[in-house]
N, C-alpha and C. Protein backbone atom coordinates (compact mmCIF):
# COMPACT_ATOMS: atom_id res chain seq x y z
N UNK A 1 112.81 129.99 68.56
CA UNK A 1 112.26 129.14 69.60
C UNK A 1 113.38 128.24 70.15
N UNK A 2 113.32 128.00 71.45
CA UNK A 2 114.35 127.20 72.10
C UNK A 2 114.20 125.72 71.76
N UNK A 3 115.31 125.05 71.65
CA UNK A 3 115.33 123.63 71.35
C UNK A 3 115.13 122.85 72.66
N UNK A 4 114.25 121.84 72.68
CA UNK A 4 114.03 121.08 73.92
C UNK A 4 115.29 120.32 74.34
N UNK A 5 115.54 120.31 75.62
CA UNK A 5 116.70 119.61 76.15
C UNK A 5 116.24 118.26 76.70
N UNK A 6 116.20 117.27 75.83
CA UNK A 6 115.69 115.96 76.22
C UNK A 6 116.58 115.28 77.25
N UNK A 7 117.87 115.53 77.20
CA UNK A 7 118.78 114.92 78.17
C UNK A 7 118.46 115.40 79.59
N UNK A 8 118.18 116.67 79.73
CA UNK A 8 117.84 117.22 81.04
C UNK A 8 116.54 116.59 81.56
N UNK A 9 115.54 116.51 80.68
CA UNK A 9 114.26 115.93 81.08
C UNK A 9 114.42 114.47 81.49
N UNK A 10 115.22 113.74 80.74
CA UNK A 10 115.45 112.33 81.06
C UNK A 10 116.14 112.20 82.41
N UNK A 11 117.13 113.04 82.64
CA UNK A 11 117.86 113.00 83.91
C UNK A 11 116.93 113.33 85.09
N UNK A 12 116.03 114.28 84.89
CA UNK A 12 115.08 114.62 85.94
C UNK A 12 114.15 113.45 86.25
N UNK A 13 113.71 112.74 85.21
CA UNK A 13 112.86 111.56 85.41
C UNK A 13 113.63 110.47 86.16
N UNK A 14 114.90 110.29 85.79
CA UNK A 14 115.72 109.28 86.47
C UNK A 14 115.91 109.62 87.94
N UNK A 15 116.14 110.89 88.24
CA UNK A 15 116.32 111.33 89.63
C UNK A 15 115.03 111.10 90.42
N UNK A 16 113.89 111.43 89.84
CA UNK A 16 112.60 111.23 90.51
C UNK A 16 112.35 109.75 90.77
N UNK A 17 112.68 108.91 89.78
CA UNK A 17 112.49 107.47 89.93
C UNK A 17 113.39 106.91 91.04
N UNK A 18 114.64 107.36 91.07
CA UNK A 18 115.58 106.91 92.10
C UNK A 18 115.10 107.31 93.49
N UNK A 19 114.62 108.54 93.61
CA UNK A 19 114.12 109.03 94.89
C UNK A 19 112.93 108.18 95.35
N UNK A 20 112.04 107.86 94.45
CA UNK A 20 110.88 107.06 94.77
C UNK A 20 111.30 105.65 95.22
N UNK A 21 112.28 105.07 94.54
CA UNK A 21 112.77 103.74 94.90
C UNK A 21 113.42 103.77 96.28
N UNK A 22 114.20 104.83 96.58
CA UNK A 22 114.85 104.96 97.88
C UNK A 22 113.82 105.07 98.99
N UNK A 23 112.75 105.85 98.75
CA UNK A 23 111.70 105.99 99.76
C UNK A 23 111.00 104.66 100.00
N UNK A 24 110.73 103.92 98.94
CA UNK A 24 110.08 102.62 99.07
C UNK A 24 110.98 101.66 99.85
N UNK A 25 112.26 101.66 99.54
CA UNK A 25 113.21 100.80 100.25
C UNK A 25 113.27 101.16 101.73
N UNK A 26 113.24 102.46 102.04
CA UNK A 26 113.27 102.91 103.43
C UNK A 26 112.02 102.45 104.18
N UNK A 27 110.86 102.53 103.52
CA UNK A 27 109.62 102.07 104.16
C UNK A 27 109.68 100.58 104.42
N UNK A 28 110.19 99.80 103.45
CA UNK A 28 110.30 98.36 103.64
C UNK A 28 111.25 98.03 104.78
N UNK A 29 112.38 98.74 104.83
CA UNK A 29 113.37 98.51 105.89
C UNK A 29 112.77 98.83 107.26
N UNK A 30 112.03 99.92 107.34
CA UNK A 30 111.40 100.32 108.60
C UNK A 30 110.37 99.28 109.04
N UNK A 31 109.58 98.77 108.11
CA UNK A 31 108.58 97.77 108.43
C UNK A 31 109.25 96.48 108.90
N UNK A 32 110.35 96.14 108.25
CA UNK A 32 111.08 94.93 108.62
C UNK A 32 111.65 95.06 110.04
N UNK A 33 112.21 96.22 110.36
CA UNK A 33 112.75 96.45 111.70
C UNK A 33 111.64 96.43 112.75
N UNK A 34 110.48 96.98 112.41
CA UNK A 34 109.35 96.99 113.34
C UNK A 34 108.88 95.56 113.61
N UNK A 35 108.82 94.76 112.56
CA UNK A 35 108.40 93.37 112.72
C UNK A 35 109.41 92.60 113.57
N UNK A 36 110.67 92.88 113.35
CA UNK A 36 111.73 92.20 114.13
C UNK A 36 111.63 92.61 115.59
N UNK A 37 111.44 93.89 115.87
CA UNK A 37 111.33 94.36 117.24
C UNK A 37 110.09 93.76 117.91
N UNK A 38 109.01 93.65 117.17
CA UNK A 38 107.79 93.07 117.72
C UNK A 38 107.98 91.60 118.02
N UNK A 39 108.73 90.90 117.19
CA UNK A 39 108.99 89.48 117.41
C UNK A 39 109.89 89.28 118.64
N UNK A 40 110.75 90.26 118.93
CA UNK A 40 111.62 90.17 120.09
C UNK A 40 110.87 90.43 121.38
N UNK A 41 109.66 90.96 121.28
CA UNK A 41 108.87 91.22 122.47
C UNK A 41 108.82 92.68 122.86
N UNK A 42 109.64 93.50 122.29
CA UNK A 42 109.58 94.92 122.61
C UNK A 42 108.78 95.61 121.50
N UNK A 43 107.72 96.31 121.86
CA UNK A 43 106.90 96.95 120.83
C UNK A 43 107.65 98.07 120.13
N UNK A 44 107.51 98.13 118.82
CA UNK A 44 108.17 99.16 118.03
C UNK A 44 107.48 100.50 118.22
N UNK A 45 106.15 100.46 118.41
CA UNK A 45 105.39 101.68 118.60
C UNK A 45 104.61 101.51 119.90
N UNK A 46 104.69 102.51 120.76
CA UNK A 46 103.98 102.45 122.02
C UNK A 46 102.48 102.49 121.75
N UNK A 47 101.77 101.51 122.29
CA UNK A 47 100.32 101.47 122.13
C UNK A 47 99.66 101.79 123.46
N UNK A 48 98.58 102.54 123.46
CA UNK A 48 97.91 102.86 124.72
C UNK A 48 97.27 101.61 125.31
N UNK A 49 97.25 101.52 126.63
CA UNK A 49 96.64 100.33 127.26
C UNK A 49 95.15 100.26 126.96
N UNK A 50 94.65 99.05 126.78
CA UNK A 50 93.23 98.90 126.50
C UNK A 50 92.44 99.02 127.79
N UNK A 51 91.24 99.53 127.69
CA UNK A 51 90.38 99.71 128.85
C UNK A 51 89.39 98.57 128.92
N UNK A 52 89.37 97.88 130.06
CA UNK A 52 88.42 96.79 130.26
C UNK A 52 87.42 97.24 131.30
N UNK A 53 86.12 97.06 131.01
CA UNK A 53 85.07 97.46 131.96
C UNK A 53 84.70 96.33 132.85
């Protein structure tokens, strides 16, 4: 029977954790830039005009 490679498993967990942290950081950075753009007066995301009857 093959011996488990705990080092490989640990490294894979570390890589997954790092990827998750990077994605979270990117989302935070994007939200921060959107808020900054909105504060400057230029909308970050184009919104459709509202319809008034």
